[in-house]
Amino acid sequence: MANLKTTYMGFELRNPIIVGSSGLTNSVENVIEVEKNGAGAVVLKSLFEEQILQETSKTISADVHKNSYPEALDYISNYSKESAVANYLNLIRDCKKAVKIPVIASINCVSSSEWIGFAARIQEAGADGLELNVFILPSDPRQSGEDNEQTYLNIVKSIQKVVTIPIALKLSYYFSGLAKTALIFSWTGISAMVLFNRFFSPDIDINTFEVKPSHIF
């Protein structure tokens, strides 16, 4: 049999097939199947800060008529958020126990402070590596292309201060000079770049003539 071994993020893989962050990697059972079918590594389904905030907002909205105390709403918000993070950390731990291939976690956040908190806990949970799924829409007229690139750089630098596991940076293609930008990102010391994250593609409902956003999670 041909030798298909390769390296990625510093890991020696039995082959270059890496199952990316998706519904195929959102449970221990799926990850076990992925390994059985020959994958060299797996990237777990991303932990989305936006999704956590959205679910927290729904929980608060459902309970707000029952209790309007600010302290109670703060508790509900923190509990919902912590529950989502805890579930993800448990997924990492369980996958590490169940398979031998590298298990790479993935986080997608909208605030730099949350990136840092999530990353440190993911390393503690035993992830072999971390994929930073950064997606910044160039839709703010006050933000220049350089501003958006700097946001990526700031996130990477912040994460590197709190983790020692290899880091991969997942990019969108919203860059005016992608090749140069990728080169600049490579100078940060990240272990890999992933091209590209999911395209944000809203559509128009022809029956209601309303904008219908795609499911971003």
Protein backbone atom coordinates (compact mmCIF):
# COMPACT_ATOMS: atom_id res chain seq x y z
CA MET A 1 0.00 0.00 0.00
CA ALA A 2 1.25 3.48 -0.83
CA ASN A 3 2.58 5.62 1.98
CA LEU A 4 0.14 8.53 2.33
CA LYS A 5 1.57 9.98 5.52
CA THR A 6 1.79 13.75 5.72
CA THR A 7 2.01 16.53 8.28
CA TYR A 8 -0.51 19.21 9.18
CA MET A 9 -0.23 21.75 12.00
CA GLY A 10 2.80 19.80 13.17
CA PHE A 11 0.88 16.51 13.45
CA GLU A 12 1.92 13.42 11.51
CA LEU A 13 -1.21 12.12 9.79
CA ARG A 14 -1.69 8.70 8.26
CA ASN A 15 -3.12 10.43 5.17
CA PRO A 16 -4.06 13.97 4.10
CA ILE A 17 -7.81 13.45 4.48
CA ILE A 18 -9.06 15.84 7.16
CA VAL A 19 -12.77 15.96 7.87
CA GLY A 20 -13.57 19.62 8.39
CA SER A 21 -15.93 21.30 10.81
CA SER A 22 -19.44 20.17 9.86
CA GLY A 23 -22.38 18.05 10.87
CA LEU A 24 -20.14 15.03 10.34
CA THR A 25 -18.06 16.06 13.34
CA ASN A 26 -20.66 17.22 15.86
CA SER A 27 -20.80 14.07 17.99
CA VAL A 28 -18.53 11.39 19.40
CA GLU A 29 -20.33 8.73 17.38
CA ASN A 30 -19.72 10.61 14.14
CA VAL A 31 -16.06 11.19 14.94
CA ILE A 32 -15.59 7.47 15.64
CA GLU A 33 -17.12 6.67 12.25
CA VAL A 34 -14.88 9.24 10.58
CA GLU A 35 -11.81 7.54 12.04
CA LYS A 36 -13.07 4.08 11.07
CA ASN A 37 -13.48 5.27 7.49
CA GLY A 38 -9.86 6.32 7.28
CA ALA A 39 -9.65 10.04 8.03
CA GLY A 40 -6.25 11.35 9.07
CA ALA A 41 -7.64 14.01 11.41
CA VAL A 42 -10.90 15.66 12.38
CA VAL A 43 -12.00 19.23 13.03
CA LEU A 44 -14.94 19.36 15.40
CA LYS A 45 -18.07 21.35 14.56
CA SER A 46 -17.40 25.00 15.39
CA LEU A 47 -18.49 26.55 18.65
CA PHE A 48 -20.23 29.74 17.50
CA GLU A 49 -20.38 32.64 19.91
CA GLU A 50 -23.19 34.12 17.80
CA GLN A 51 -25.23 30.94 18.24
CA ILE A 52 -24.68 30.95 21.99
CA LEU A 53 -25.82 34.57 22.19
CA GLN A 54 -28.83 33.81 20.00
CA GLU A 55 -29.90 30.83 22.10
CA THR A 56 -29.36 32.84 25.27
CA SER A 57 -31.55 35.61 23.91
CA LYS A 58 -34.31 33.12 23.11
CA THR A 59 -34.14 31.67 26.62
CA ILE A 60 -34.36 35.10 28.19
CA SER A 61 -37.26 36.10 25.94
CA ALA A 62 -39.15 32.96 26.91
CA ASP A 63 -38.64 33.60 30.62
CA VAL A 64 -38.85 37.38 30.77
CA HIS A 65 -42.60 37.35 31.41
CA LYS A 66 -42.04 35.07 34.39
CA ASN A 67 -39.35 37.08 36.11
CA SER A 68 -38.24 40.61 35.32
CA TYR A 69 -35.47 40.88 37.90
CA PRO A 70 -32.17 41.93 36.27
CA GLU A 71 -30.25 39.54 38.50
CA ALA A 72 -32.37 36.64 37.27
CA LEU A 73 -31.84 37.58 33.64
CA ASP A 74 -28.08 37.77 34.20
CA TYR A 75 -28.15 34.33 35.78
CA ILE A 76 -30.12 32.88 32.87
CA SER A 77 -27.74 34.44 30.36
CA ASN A 78 -24.62 33.14 32.09
CA TYR A 79 -26.14 29.70 32.66
CA SER A 80 -27.15 29.28 29.00
CA LYS A 81 -23.76 30.39 27.78
CA GLU A 82 -21.84 28.19 30.21
CA SER A 83 -24.01 25.20 29.31
CA ALA A 84 -23.17 25.53 25.60
CA VAL A 85 -19.45 25.88 26.30
CA ALA A 86 -19.48 22.96 28.76
CA ASN A 87 -21.16 20.72 26.19
CA TYR A 88 -18.45 21.55 23.67
CA LEU A 89 -15.67 20.88 26.15
CA ASN A 90 -17.24 17.52 26.96
CA LEU A 91 -17.34 16.73 23.24
CA ILE A 92 -13.60 17.37 23.04
CA ARG A 93 -12.84 15.19 26.05
CA ASP A 94 -15.04 12.34 24.85
CA CYS A 95 -13.60 12.41 21.33
CA LYS A 96 -10.05 12.34 22.66
CA LYS A 97 -10.90 9.22 24.65
CA ALA A 98 -12.61 7.55 21.71
CA VAL A 99 -10.20 8.06 18.79
CA LYS A 100 -6.48 8.12 18.11
CA ILE A 101 -6.39 10.63 15.24
CA PRO A 102 -5.78 14.32 16.06
CA VAL A 103 -8.88 16.12 17.31
CA ILE A 104 -8.87 19.78 16.36
CA ALA A 105 -11.37 22.11 17.99
CA SER A 106 -12.92 25.06 16.17
CA ILE A 107 -14.29 28.32 17.51
CA ASN A 108 -16.08 31.17 15.79
CA CYS A 109 -16.51 34.26 17.93
CA VAL A 110 -17.51 37.88 17.45
CA SER A 111 -15.58 39.46 20.33
CA SER A 112 -11.90 39.22 21.18
CA SER A 113 -12.52 38.67 24.89
CA GLU A 114 -14.59 35.56 24.21
CA TRP A 115 -11.97 34.17 21.84
CA ILE A 116 -9.44 34.20 24.65
CA GLY A 117 -11.73 32.58 27.21
CA PHE A 118 -12.91 29.84 24.85
CA ALA A 119 -9.42 29.04 23.58
CA ALA A 120 -7.86 28.56 26.99
CA ARG A 121 -10.60 26.20 28.11
CA ILE A 122 -10.46 24.23 24.87
CA GLN A 123 -6.75 23.58 25.40
CA GLU A 124 -7.44 22.47 28.97
CA ALA A 125 -10.07 20.04 27.65
CA GLY A 126 -7.38 18.26 25.65
CA ALA A 127 -7.81 19.41 22.05
CA ASP A 128 -4.76 18.67 19.92
CA GLY A 129 -5.10 21.90 17.97
CA LEU A 130 -7.39 24.87 17.47
CA GLU A 131 -8.92 26.22 14.28
CA LEU A 132 -9.91 29.89 14.51
CA ASN A 133 -12.89 30.31 12.23
CA VAL A 134 -12.87 34.08 11.70
CA PHE A 135 -15.56 35.57 9.50
CA ILE A 136 -15.76 39.35 9.21
CA LEU A 137 -18.15 40.71 6.61
CA PRO A 138 -16.75 43.80 4.85
CA SER A 139 -20.09 45.54 5.28
CA ASP A 140 -19.15 48.39 7.63
CA PRO A 141 -18.34 51.53 5.57
CA ARG A 142 -16.36 52.87 8.51
CA GLN A 143 -13.97 49.91 8.42
CA SER A 144 -11.19 49.79 5.84
CA GLY A 145 -9.70 46.59 4.48
CA GLU A 146 -6.65 47.20 6.65
CA ASP A 147 -8.90 47.51 9.71
CA ASN A 148 -10.47 44.13 9.03
CA GLU A 149 -7.08 42.51 8.50
CA GLN A 150 -5.87 43.99 11.77
CA THR A 151 -8.84 42.41 13.55
CA TYR A 152 -7.66 39.00 12.35
CA LEU A 153 -4.13 39.73 13.52
CA ASN A 154 -5.33 40.94 16.93
CA ILE A 155 -7.38 37.78 17.43
CA VAL A 156 -4.46 35.51 16.55
CA LYS A 157 -2.05 37.39 18.81
CA SER A 158 -4.52 37.28 21.71
CA ILE A 159 -5.02 33.53 21.35
CA GLN A 160 -1.30 32.83 21.09
CA LYS A 161 -0.83 34.40 24.51
CA VAL A 162 -3.07 31.86 26.24
CA VAL A 163 -2.52 28.57 24.37
CA THR A 164 0.45 26.50 23.28
CA ILE A 165 -1.37 24.05 21.00
CA PRO A 166 -1.04 24.57 17.23
CA ILE A 167 -3.37 27.18 15.71
CA ALA A 168 -4.93 27.20 12.25
CA LEU A 169 -6.59 30.33 10.87
CA LYS A 170 -9.67 29.80 8.71
CA LEU A 171 -10.24 32.68 6.31
CA SER A 172 -12.98 34.09 4.14
CA TYR A 173 -12.18 35.36 0.66
CA TYR A 174 -13.20 38.95 1.41
CA PHE A 175 -9.72 40.37 0.90
CA SER A 176 -8.63 42.72 -1.86
CA GLY A 177 -5.16 41.17 -1.91
CA LEU A 178 -5.59 37.64 -0.59
CA ALA A 179 -2.08 36.40 -1.41
CA LYS A 180 -0.38 39.29 0.39
CA THR A 181 -2.80 39.06 3.31
CA ALA A 182 -2.16 35.33 3.68
CA LEU A 183 1.58 36.02 3.70
CA ILE A 184 1.15 38.59 6.48
CA PHE A 185 -0.94 36.14 8.51
CA SER A 186 1.75 33.48 8.08
CA TRP A 187 4.24 35.76 9.80
CA THR A 188 2.24 35.49 13.04
CA GLY A 189 3.50 31.96 13.63
CA ILE A 190 0.23 30.12 13.05
CA SER A 191 0.61 26.48 12.03
CA ALA A 192 -1.83 26.47 9.10
CA MET A 193 -4.35 28.46 7.08
CA VAL A 194 -7.67 27.03 5.90
CA LEU A 195 -9.31 28.37 2.73
CA PHE A 196 -12.21 29.22 2.90
CA ASN A 197 -14.97 29.38 5.49
CA ARG A 198 -18.61 29.18 4.48
CA PHE A 199 -19.90 31.82 2.10
CA PHE A 200 -22.60 34.01 3.62
CA SER A 201 -25.39 33.85 1.03
CA PRO A 202 -28.71 35.48 1.88
CA ASP A 203 -31.50 35.08 -0.65
CA ILE A 204 -34.88 36.63 -1.48
CA ASP A 205 -38.10 34.74 -0.87
CA ILE A 206 -39.97 35.17 -4.18
CA ASN A 207 -43.30 34.61 -2.45
CA THR A 208 -42.94 37.24 0.26
CA PHE A 209 -40.27 39.42 -1.41
CA GLU A 210 -38.35 39.45 1.84
CA VAL A 211 -34.67 38.85 2.45
CA LYS A 212 -34.14 35.34 3.78
CA PRO A 213 -30.72 34.83 5.39
CA SER A 214 -28.99 31.50 5.11
CA HIS A 215 -28.41 29.49 8.27
CA ILE A 216 -24.94 30.67 9.30
CA PHE A 217 -24.36 27.94 11.92
